[in-house]
Amino acid sequence: MLILRDAHAGFSRFDQFRKSLGITLTTLKHLSVLVDEGLLEKRQYSEHPAREEYVLTQAGKDFLPVLFVFWRKIYAL
């Protein structure tokens, strides 16, 4: 969910997520799960060297209200 939060904030590159979240490369493998689930889309932004970014799909954008509800519930505890 933190990856989706950052994606909503405009982050799209692997290194941006890693720096923002302070997590390991292994943990960031969850990006592929979010792509598989249709919440993020992987797009190539550079051919030499080959580099990709992750952008929200419409389903990912539609998930924003769910994130807000979830965060409100957590912080209300």
Protein backbone atom coordinates (compact mmCIF):
# COMPACT_ATOMS: atom_id res chain seq x y z
CA MET A 1 0.00 0.00 0.00
CA LEU A 2 2.92 2.33 0.60
CA ILE A 3 4.06 1.78 -2.97
CA LEU A 4 0.61 2.79 -4.23
CA ARG A 5 0.65 5.81 -1.96
CA ASP A 6 3.96 6.92 -3.44
CA ALA A 7 2.72 6.23 -6.96
CA HIS A 8 -0.25 8.51 -6.26
CA ALA A 9 2.25 11.14 -5.09
CA GLY A 10 3.97 10.98 -8.48
CA PHE A 11 6.77 8.48 -7.91
CA SER A 12 7.28 6.15 -10.86
CA ARG A 13 10.83 4.86 -10.78
CA PHE A 14 12.21 1.91 -8.88
CA ASP A 15 14.88 3.98 -7.16
CA GLN A 16 12.36 6.62 -6.08
CA PHE A 17 10.25 3.98 -4.35
CA ARG A 18 13.31 2.43 -2.72
CA LYS A 19 14.59 5.74 -1.37
CA SER A 20 11.19 6.97 -0.22
CA LEU A 21 10.22 3.78 1.57
CA GLY A 22 13.66 2.82 2.86
CA ILE A 23 13.12 -0.79 1.88
CA THR A 24 15.27 -3.48 0.34
CA LEU A 25 15.38 -4.46 -3.29
CA THR A 26 13.77 -7.78 -2.34
CA THR A 27 10.77 -6.02 -0.84
CA LEU A 28 10.37 -3.92 -3.97
CA LYS A 29 9.65 -7.08 -5.91
CA HIS A 30 6.07 -6.32 -4.86
CA LEU A 31 6.02 -3.91 -7.79
CA SER A 32 5.63 -6.91 -10.10
CA VAL A 33 2.66 -8.11 -8.03
CA LEU A 34 1.01 -4.70 -8.41
CA VAL A 35 1.64 -4.89 -12.16
CA ASP A 36 0.20 -8.43 -12.30
CA GLU A 37 -2.88 -7.25 -10.38
CA GLY A 38 -3.40 -4.37 -12.81
CA LEU A 39 -2.78 -1.52 -10.36
CA LEU A 40 0.49 -0.41 -11.94
CA GLU A 41 1.74 -0.56 -15.50
CA LYS A 42 5.40 -0.94 -16.41
CA ARG A 43 6.60 1.38 -19.19
CA GLN A 44 10.01 1.72 -20.75
CA TYR A 45 11.34 5.27 -20.52
CA SER A 46 14.88 4.66 -21.78
CA GLU A 47 16.31 2.23 -24.28
CA HIS A 48 20.02 2.82 -23.62
CA PRO A 49 20.34 1.80 -20.88
CA ALA A 50 17.05 -0.06 -20.68
CA ARG A 51 15.02 1.52 -17.88
CA GLU A 52 11.39 1.17 -16.86
CA GLU A 53 8.98 3.14 -14.74
CA TYR A 54 5.79 2.16 -12.98
CA VAL A 55 2.67 4.23 -13.54
CA LEU A 56 -0.78 3.91 -12.07
CA THR A 57 -3.44 2.30 -14.20
CA GLN A 58 -7.04 3.44 -13.93
CA ALA A 59 -7.60 0.63 -11.42
CA GLY A 60 -4.67 1.97 -9.38
CA LYS A 61 -6.15 5.47 -9.44
CA ASP A 62 -9.54 4.09 -8.45
CA PHE A 63 -7.90 2.42 -5.44
CA LEU A 64 -7.00 5.81 -3.90
CA PRO A 65 -10.23 6.13 -1.85
CA VAL A 66 -9.62 2.66 -0.41
CA LEU A 67 -6.15 3.76 0.71
CA PHE A 68 -7.63 6.83 2.40
CA VAL A 69 -10.15 4.75 4.32
CA PHE A 70 -7.48 2.28 5.34
CA TRP A 71 -5.14 5.00 6.61
CA ARG A 72 -7.92 6.73 8.52
CA LYS A 73 -8.77 3.44 10.25
CA ILE A 74 -5.14 2.83 11.20
CA TYR A 75 -4.59 6.31 12.60
CA ALA A 76 -7.90 6.25 14.49
CA LEU A 77 -6.64 3.36 16.62
